[in-house]
Protein backbone atom coordinates (compact mmCIF):
# COMPACT_ATOMS: atom_id res chain seq x y z
CA MET A 1 -0.02 0.00 -0.01
CA LYS A 2 1.28 3.47 -0.87
CA VAL A 3 0.02 6.75 0.50
CA VAL A 4 0.82 10.31 -0.71
CA THR A 5 0.22 13.35 1.43
CA PHE A 6 0.49 16.97 0.25
CA GLY A 7 0.95 20.19 2.26
CA GLU A 8 3.41 22.54 3.92
CA LEU A 9 6.30 21.52 6.07
CA MET A 10 7.35 24.27 8.45
CA VAL A 11 10.06 25.11 10.94
CA ARG A 12 8.62 24.88 14.46
CA LEU A 13 10.19 27.24 16.99
CA GLN A 14 9.17 26.80 20.60
CA PRO A 15 10.38 27.98 24.01
CA PHE A 16 11.81 25.30 26.21
CA ASN A 17 9.45 23.59 28.69
CA TYR A 18 6.44 25.78 29.32
CA GLU A 19 8.02 29.23 29.03
CA ARG A 20 6.12 32.09 27.48
CA PHE A 21 7.46 33.78 24.36
CA VAL A 22 8.21 36.96 26.29
CA GLN A 23 10.44 35.16 28.84
CA ALA A 24 12.23 32.79 26.44
CA SER A 25 15.88 33.32 25.54
CA ASN A 26 16.17 30.12 23.53
CA LEU A 27 13.90 28.31 21.08
CA GLU A 28 13.74 24.67 20.13
CA PHE A 29 14.08 24.13 16.39
CA THR A 30 12.10 21.26 14.87
CA PHE A 31 9.78 20.70 11.88
CA GLY A 32 6.13 19.92 11.42
CA GLY A 33 3.01 20.37 9.31
CA GLY A 34 -0.38 18.59 9.11
CA GLU A 35 0.11 16.34 6.12
CA ALA A 36 3.80 15.72 6.88
CA ASN A 37 2.78 14.57 10.36
CA VAL A 38 0.40 12.05 8.75
CA ALA A 39 3.15 10.76 6.43
CA VAL A 40 5.50 10.18 9.43
CA SER A 41 2.83 8.31 11.34
CA LEU A 42 2.19 6.02 8.37
CA ALA A 43 5.91 5.44 7.78
CA ASN A 44 6.32 4.40 11.43
CA TYR A 45 3.51 1.90 10.87
CA GLY A 46 5.43 0.39 7.97
CA VAL A 47 3.36 1.96 5.23
CA ASP A 48 5.05 3.22 2.04
CA ALA A 49 4.33 6.93 2.64
CA ALA A 50 5.42 9.82 0.44
CA PHE A 51 5.17 13.55 1.20
CA VAL A 52 4.79 16.17 -1.55
CA THR A 53 5.53 19.86 -1.07
CA LYS A 54 7.85 22.60 -2.38
CA LEU A 55 10.91 23.57 -0.34
CA PRO A 56 13.92 25.79 -0.99
CA ALA A 57 17.14 24.14 -2.13
CA HIS A 58 19.12 25.76 0.65
CA ALA A 59 20.28 24.19 3.93
CA ILE A 60 17.12 24.85 5.93
CA GLY A 61 15.03 23.29 3.17
CA GLN A 62 17.30 20.31 3.25
CA CYS A 63 16.95 20.07 7.07
CA ALA A 64 13.14 19.91 6.57
CA VAL A 65 13.57 17.08 3.98
CA ASN A 66 15.95 15.21 6.30
CA SER A 67 13.46 15.46 9.20
CA LEU A 68 11.12 13.26 7.19
CA ARG A 69 13.74 10.93 5.74
CA ARG A 70 14.94 9.90 9.16
CA TYR A 71 11.54 8.20 9.75
CA GLY A 72 11.41 6.58 6.32
CA VAL A 73 9.14 8.98 4.49
CA ASP A 74 9.64 9.06 0.72
CA THR A 75 10.78 12.59 -0.16
CA SER A 76 11.67 11.97 -3.80
CA MET A 77 8.68 13.90 -5.13
CA ILE A 78 9.35 17.09 -3.15
CA VAL A 79 9.86 20.02 -5.55
CA ARG A 80 12.83 22.19 -4.71
CA GLY A 81 12.69 25.97 -5.28
CA GLY A 82 11.57 29.23 -3.70
CA ASP A 83 13.35 31.21 -1.02
CA ARG A 84 11.88 30.43 2.40
CA VAL A 85 10.54 27.76 4.64
CA GLY A 86 7.39 28.69 6.52
CA ILE A 87 7.74 29.10 10.27
CA TYR A 88 5.34 28.69 13.17
CA TYR A 89 6.01 29.71 16.74
CA ASN A 90 4.41 27.50 19.35
CA GLU A 91 3.97 28.42 23.03
CA LYS A 92 2.79 25.46 24.96
CA GLY A 93 -0.02 26.13 27.39
CA ALA A 94 -0.55 24.50 30.79
CA SER A 95 -3.41 24.29 33.25
CA GLN A 96 -5.79 27.20 32.56
CA ARG A 97 -3.34 28.95 30.09
CA GLY A 98 -3.99 27.89 26.58
CA SER A 99 -1.32 27.27 23.91
CA VAL A 100 -0.51 30.02 21.39
CA CYS A 101 0.50 29.50 17.79
CA ILE A 102 1.88 32.35 15.68
CA TYR A 103 2.37 31.81 11.92
CA ASP A 104 5.16 33.33 9.80
CA ARG A 105 4.53 31.58 6.51
CA ALA A 106 3.86 34.33 3.99
CA ASN A 107 5.86 33.92 0.76
CA SER A 108 7.02 30.45 1.68
CA ALA A 109 8.04 28.14 -1.17
CA ILE A 110 4.76 26.21 -1.13
CA GLN A 111 2.59 29.32 -0.74
CA LEU A 112 4.14 30.70 -3.92
CA ALA A 113 4.05 27.39 -5.76
CA GLN A 114 2.28 27.10 -9.09
CA PRO A 115 0.17 24.20 -10.44
CA SER A 116 2.86 23.56 -13.07
CA ASP A 117 5.32 22.60 -10.31
CA PHE A 118 3.60 19.21 -9.76
CA ASP A 119 3.13 16.29 -12.11
CA TRP A 120 0.25 14.60 -10.30
CA GLU A 121 -0.21 11.93 -12.95
CA LYS A 122 3.35 10.76 -12.29
CA ILE A 123 3.07 11.24 -8.50
CA PHE A 124 -0.04 8.99 -8.26
CA GLN A 125 1.40 6.05 -10.18
CA GLY A 126 1.03 2.97 -8.00
CA VAL A 127 -0.55 4.99 -5.18
CA ASP A 128 -3.60 3.77 -3.15
CA TRP A 129 -4.42 6.76 -0.97
CA PHE A 130 -4.09 10.57 -1.12
CA HIS A 131 -4.43 12.81 1.98
CA PHE A 132 -4.54 16.59 2.38
CA THR A 133 -6.02 19.06 4.88
CA GLY A 134 -7.93 22.32 4.80
CA ILE A 135 -4.75 24.11 5.95
CA THR A 136 -3.11 23.70 2.57
CA PRO A 137 -5.66 25.42 0.26
CA ALA A 138 -5.86 28.14 2.91
CA LEU A 139 -2.44 29.30 1.68
CA GLY A 140 -3.87 31.02 -1.42
CA GLU A 141 -5.92 30.64 -4.60
CA ASN A 142 -2.96 29.16 -6.37
CA VAL A 143 -2.70 26.37 -3.80
CA VAL A 144 -6.48 25.81 -3.96
CA GLU A 145 -5.87 25.12 -7.65
CA ILE A 146 -2.95 22.82 -6.96
CA CYS A 147 -5.20 20.83 -4.51
CA ARG A 148 -7.96 20.72 -7.10
CA GLN A 149 -5.62 19.36 -9.75
CA ALA A 150 -4.26 16.80 -7.27
CA CYS A 151 -7.79 15.64 -6.40
CA LYS A 152 -8.79 15.33 -10.06
CA ALA A 153 -5.62 13.33 -10.87
CA ALA A 154 -6.12 11.10 -7.79
CA LYS A 155 -9.71 10.38 -8.85
CA ALA A 156 -8.61 9.59 -12.40
CA ALA A 157 -6.05 7.16 -11.04
CA GLY A 158 -8.61 5.40 -8.77
CA VAL A 159 -6.88 6.66 -5.58
CA LYS A 160 -8.91 7.07 -2.34
CA ILE A 161 -8.88 10.59 -1.02
CA SER A 162 -9.08 11.71 2.58
CA CYS A 163 -9.28 15.30 3.87
CA ASP A 164 -9.05 16.75 7.37
CA LEU A 165 -11.08 19.95 7.28
CA ASN A 166 -8.71 21.63 9.78
CA TYR A 167 -10.07 25.19 9.66
CA ARG A 168 -7.48 27.83 10.62
CA GLY A 169 -9.01 31.29 11.15
CA LYS A 170 -5.60 32.91 11.06
CA LEU A 171 -5.15 31.82 7.44
CA TRP A 172 -8.51 32.51 5.74
CA THR A 173 -12.07 33.60 6.40
CA ARG A 174 -14.98 31.21 6.86
CA GLU A 175 -16.37 32.40 3.52
CA GLN A 176 -13.11 31.59 1.72
CA ALA A 177 -12.90 28.23 3.43
CA ARG A 178 -16.45 27.35 2.54
CA ALA A 179 -16.07 28.25 -1.14
CA ALA A 180 -12.79 26.32 -1.54
CA MET A 181 -13.65 23.27 0.55
CA THR A 182 -17.14 22.92 -0.94
CA ASP A 183 -15.38 22.49 -4.31
CA LEU A 184 -12.60 20.21 -3.08
CA CYS A 185 -14.79 17.97 -0.95
CA GLN A 186 -16.68 16.70 -4.01
CA TYR A 187 -13.59 14.54 -4.64
CA VAL A 188 -13.13 13.34 -1.03
CA ASP A 189 -14.02 9.76 0.12
CA VAL A 190 -13.11 10.06 3.79
CA CYS A 191 -13.71 13.25 5.71
CA ILE A 192 -12.09 13.97 9.08
CA SER A 193 -13.45 16.84 11.07
CA ASN A 194 -14.32 18.06 14.60
CA GLU A 195 -17.32 19.95 15.79
CA GLU A 196 -15.66 23.35 15.33
CA ASP A 197 -14.45 22.65 11.75
CA ALA A 198 -17.84 21.44 10.52
CA LYS A 199 -19.44 24.55 11.97
CA ASP A 200 -16.82 27.00 10.80
CA VAL A 201 -16.47 25.66 7.26
CA PHE A 202 -19.96 24.38 6.38
CA GLY A 203 -22.21 25.81 9.09
CA ILE A 204 -23.10 22.29 10.29
CA GLU A 205 -23.39 22.28 14.08
CA ALA A 206 -23.93 19.65 16.71
CA GLU A 207 -26.86 20.38 18.98
CA ALA A 208 -26.65 20.49 22.73
CA THR A 209 -22.85 20.44 22.74
CA ASP A 210 -20.48 22.71 24.74
CA ILE A 211 -16.89 21.95 23.86
CA TYR A 212 -15.66 24.42 26.43
CA GLY A 213 -17.84 23.15 29.20
CA GLY A 214 -16.93 19.56 28.39
CA THR A 215 -20.43 18.48 27.31
CA LEU A 216 -20.66 16.32 24.21
CA ASN A 217 -23.91 15.08 22.73
CA HIS A 218 -23.49 11.82 20.74
CA GLU A 219 -26.76 12.33 18.84
CA GLY A 220 -25.59 15.75 17.71
CA TYR A 221 -22.38 14.36 16.34
CA LYS A 222 -24.19 11.60 14.52
CA SER A 223 -26.29 14.34 12.87
CA VAL A 224 -23.18 16.30 11.86
CA ALA A 225 -21.61 13.22 10.31
CA LYS A 226 -24.73 12.36 8.34
CA GLN A 227 -25.21 15.92 7.13
CA LEU A 228 -21.63 16.00 5.88
CA ALA A 229 -21.92 12.56 4.19
CA ASP A 230 -25.28 13.51 2.56
CA LYS A 231 -23.94 16.83 1.31
CA PHE A 232 -20.71 15.53 -0.24
CA HIS A 233 -21.35 11.79 -0.71
CA PHE A 234 -18.48 10.88 1.62
CA GLU A 235 -18.02 7.15 2.17
CA LYS A 236 -16.93 7.72 5.74
CA VAL A 237 -16.86 10.68 8.17
CA ALA A 238 -14.70 10.71 11.26
CA ILE A 239 -15.32 13.31 13.96
CA THR A 240 -12.87 13.78 16.84
CA LEU A 241 -14.36 14.68 20.14
CA ARG A 242 -12.10 16.77 22.45
CA GLU A 243 -13.34 17.71 25.88
CA SER A 244 -11.06 20.50 27.01
CA HIS A 245 -10.97 20.47 30.81
CA SER A 246 -7.81 22.60 30.73
CA ALA A 247 -4.70 23.01 28.52
CA SER A 248 -3.13 20.08 30.44
CA ASP A 249 -6.12 17.71 30.69
CA ASN A 250 -8.47 16.69 27.89
CA GLY A 251 -10.97 13.98 27.27
CA TRP A 252 -10.35 12.43 23.85
CA SER A 253 -12.58 10.16 21.77
CA ALA A 254 -13.99 9.96 18.23
CA MET A 255 -16.81 8.70 16.11
CA LEU A 256 -16.61 7.09 12.66
CA TYR A 257 -19.66 6.99 10.41
CA ASP A 258 -19.88 4.52 7.52
CA ALA A 259 -22.44 5.81 5.02
CA ALA A 260 -22.95 2.53 3.18
CA SER A 261 -24.00 0.62 6.29
CA ASN A 262 -25.37 3.71 8.15
CA GLU A 263 -23.17 2.59 11.06
CA TYR A 264 -22.03 5.00 13.79
CA CYS A 265 -19.17 3.79 15.92
CA PHE A 266 -17.95 5.69 18.97
CA SER A 267 -14.51 4.89 20.46
CA LYS A 268 -13.69 4.56 24.11
CA LYS A 269 -12.66 7.83 25.77
CA TYR A 270 -9.21 8.54 27.09
CA GLU A 271 -8.47 11.09 29.81
CA LEU A 272 -5.19 12.67 28.61
CA ARG A 273 -2.50 14.46 30.62
CA ILE A 274 -0.97 16.39 27.71
CA ILE A 275 2.70 16.73 27.02
CA ASP A 276 2.20 18.16 23.48
CA ARG A 277 -1.16 18.39 21.68
CA VAL A 278 0.14 19.73 18.36
CA GLY A 279 -0.30 17.03 15.78
CA GLY A 280 -2.98 15.22 17.80
CA GLY A 281 -5.48 15.44 14.97
CA ASP A 282 -2.87 14.48 12.38
CA SER A 283 -1.99 11.36 14.36
CA PHE A 284 -5.69 10.45 14.44
CA GLY A 285 -5.70 10.81 10.61
CA GLY A 286 -2.65 8.66 10.17
CA GLY A 287 -4.11 5.98 12.38
CA LEU A 288 -7.42 6.03 10.59
CA ILE A 289 -5.82 5.77 7.14
CA TYR A 290 -3.67 2.84 8.31
CA ALA A 291 -6.68 1.09 9.83
CA LEU A 292 -8.85 1.53 6.78
CA LEU A 293 -6.12 0.44 4.38
CA ASN A 294 -5.68 -2.70 6.42
CA GLY A 295 -9.37 -3.58 6.31
CA LYS A 296 -10.22 -2.99 9.96
CA SER A 297 -13.93 -2.80 10.84
CA THR A 298 -15.50 0.60 11.45
CA GLN A 299 -15.27 0.10 15.22
CA ASP A 300 -11.71 -1.24 15.18
CA ALA A 301 -10.67 1.56 12.84
CA VAL A 302 -11.91 4.34 15.10
CA GLU A 303 -10.42 2.61 18.17
CA PHE A 304 -6.99 2.31 16.48
CA ALA A 305 -7.06 5.98 15.36
CA VAL A 306 -8.03 7.37 18.75
CA ALA A 307 -5.44 5.21 20.58
CA ALA A 308 -2.73 6.42 18.15
CA SER A 309 -3.74 10.02 18.84
CA ALA A 310 -3.90 9.48 22.58
CA LEU A 311 -0.33 8.30 22.51
CA LYS A 312 0.77 11.30 20.44
CA HIS A 313 -0.34 13.65 23.14
CA SER A 314 2.45 12.22 25.28
CA ILE A 315 5.20 12.89 22.68
CA GLU A 316 7.10 16.17 22.17
CA GLY A 317 7.02 17.63 18.69
CA ASP A 318 4.73 17.41 15.68
CA TYR A 319 5.52 13.82 14.74
CA ASN A 320 3.85 10.77 16.30
CA MET A 321 6.62 8.24 16.96
CA VAL A 322 4.77 5.11 17.88
CA THR A 323 4.48 1.60 16.46
CA VAL A 324 1.47 -0.45 15.39
CA SER A 325 1.94 -2.81 18.36
CA GLU A 326 2.02 0.12 20.83
CA VAL A 327 -1.21 1.50 19.39
CA GLU A 328 -2.90 -1.92 19.38
CA LYS A 329 -1.85 -2.53 22.95
CA LEU A 330 -3.54 0.67 24.09
CA ALA A 331 -6.58 0.14 21.87
CA GLY A 332 -6.87 -3.31 23.37
CA GLY A 333 -7.26 -1.82 26.83
CA ASP A 334 -3.77 -1.59 28.28
CA GLY A 335 -3.46 2.11 29.17
CA SER A 336 -1.75 1.59 32.51
CA GLY A 337 1.57 3.23 31.40
CA ARG A 338 3.51 0.64 33.36
CA ILE A 339 7.17 0.36 32.59
CA GLN A 340 8.12 -2.27 29.97
CA ARG A 341 11.04 -4.42 31.02
């Protein structure tokens, strides 16, 4: 099985420990980005995973490429060119202080990329699955067109397409997101969302749900999934359910809806003590793609994806560095965290 993901890979700069930006004198230098995070997850599960983007040919661009290669991601289809790698600054929250993310990605290589940079017909040869997120088309109309051409080529090649809606209000307006994603979602087979994304992008809202007060209504989420599936003819809709007790403690679960069987499967819920929540949704996406590619049932697929994501919340950095056996152990009920000797 081969999976291709497409998006932006950024430099991640972060104060050490839980320092605020204003008190930090040193920043940790790593890399991350939604679709790249998915590719790393899949490579760690033994899947043939390739990441496509555009990065400068200079040393920082090469560092970004190397950060993927060390985990076995295929970087051979990354286009080299442009002048800068996008940056995001991450301040980790704790207790009642939320995390803060500041973007510095204007004029990055991928934001200025053109549709002619990518030969999608060649890229999708021998590929089974294509994944992108709503963050990538948010970079500009040119990138919307690149995503559109990628989706059309994937469909022509018989490739399954998944998309995580991932609305980012700092990158585009709700109106821009709705116009672009309404067009792109016509090509998508598996949609990944949360309650906020479905509301922000498509105006579809779960009833009787308070994500800030920690109240989740299962019937409301079933309604959101069905409305999304009916609107875009998705085969499957996954909705992650985060109960934010504080920046340090979250409840974490998900639902997977299979349109063909009209089956709604809710996962078990994990109570997380968070080390790093960035990439949590991406690790869910990676786990879900792996599970579906390997023919897991709807219930087993959502359990695997949620367990994978629960483990990611314990790992520093964007990338989820866990194995299939570790995920299956947790999904099977062993969440004790006991030392392994």
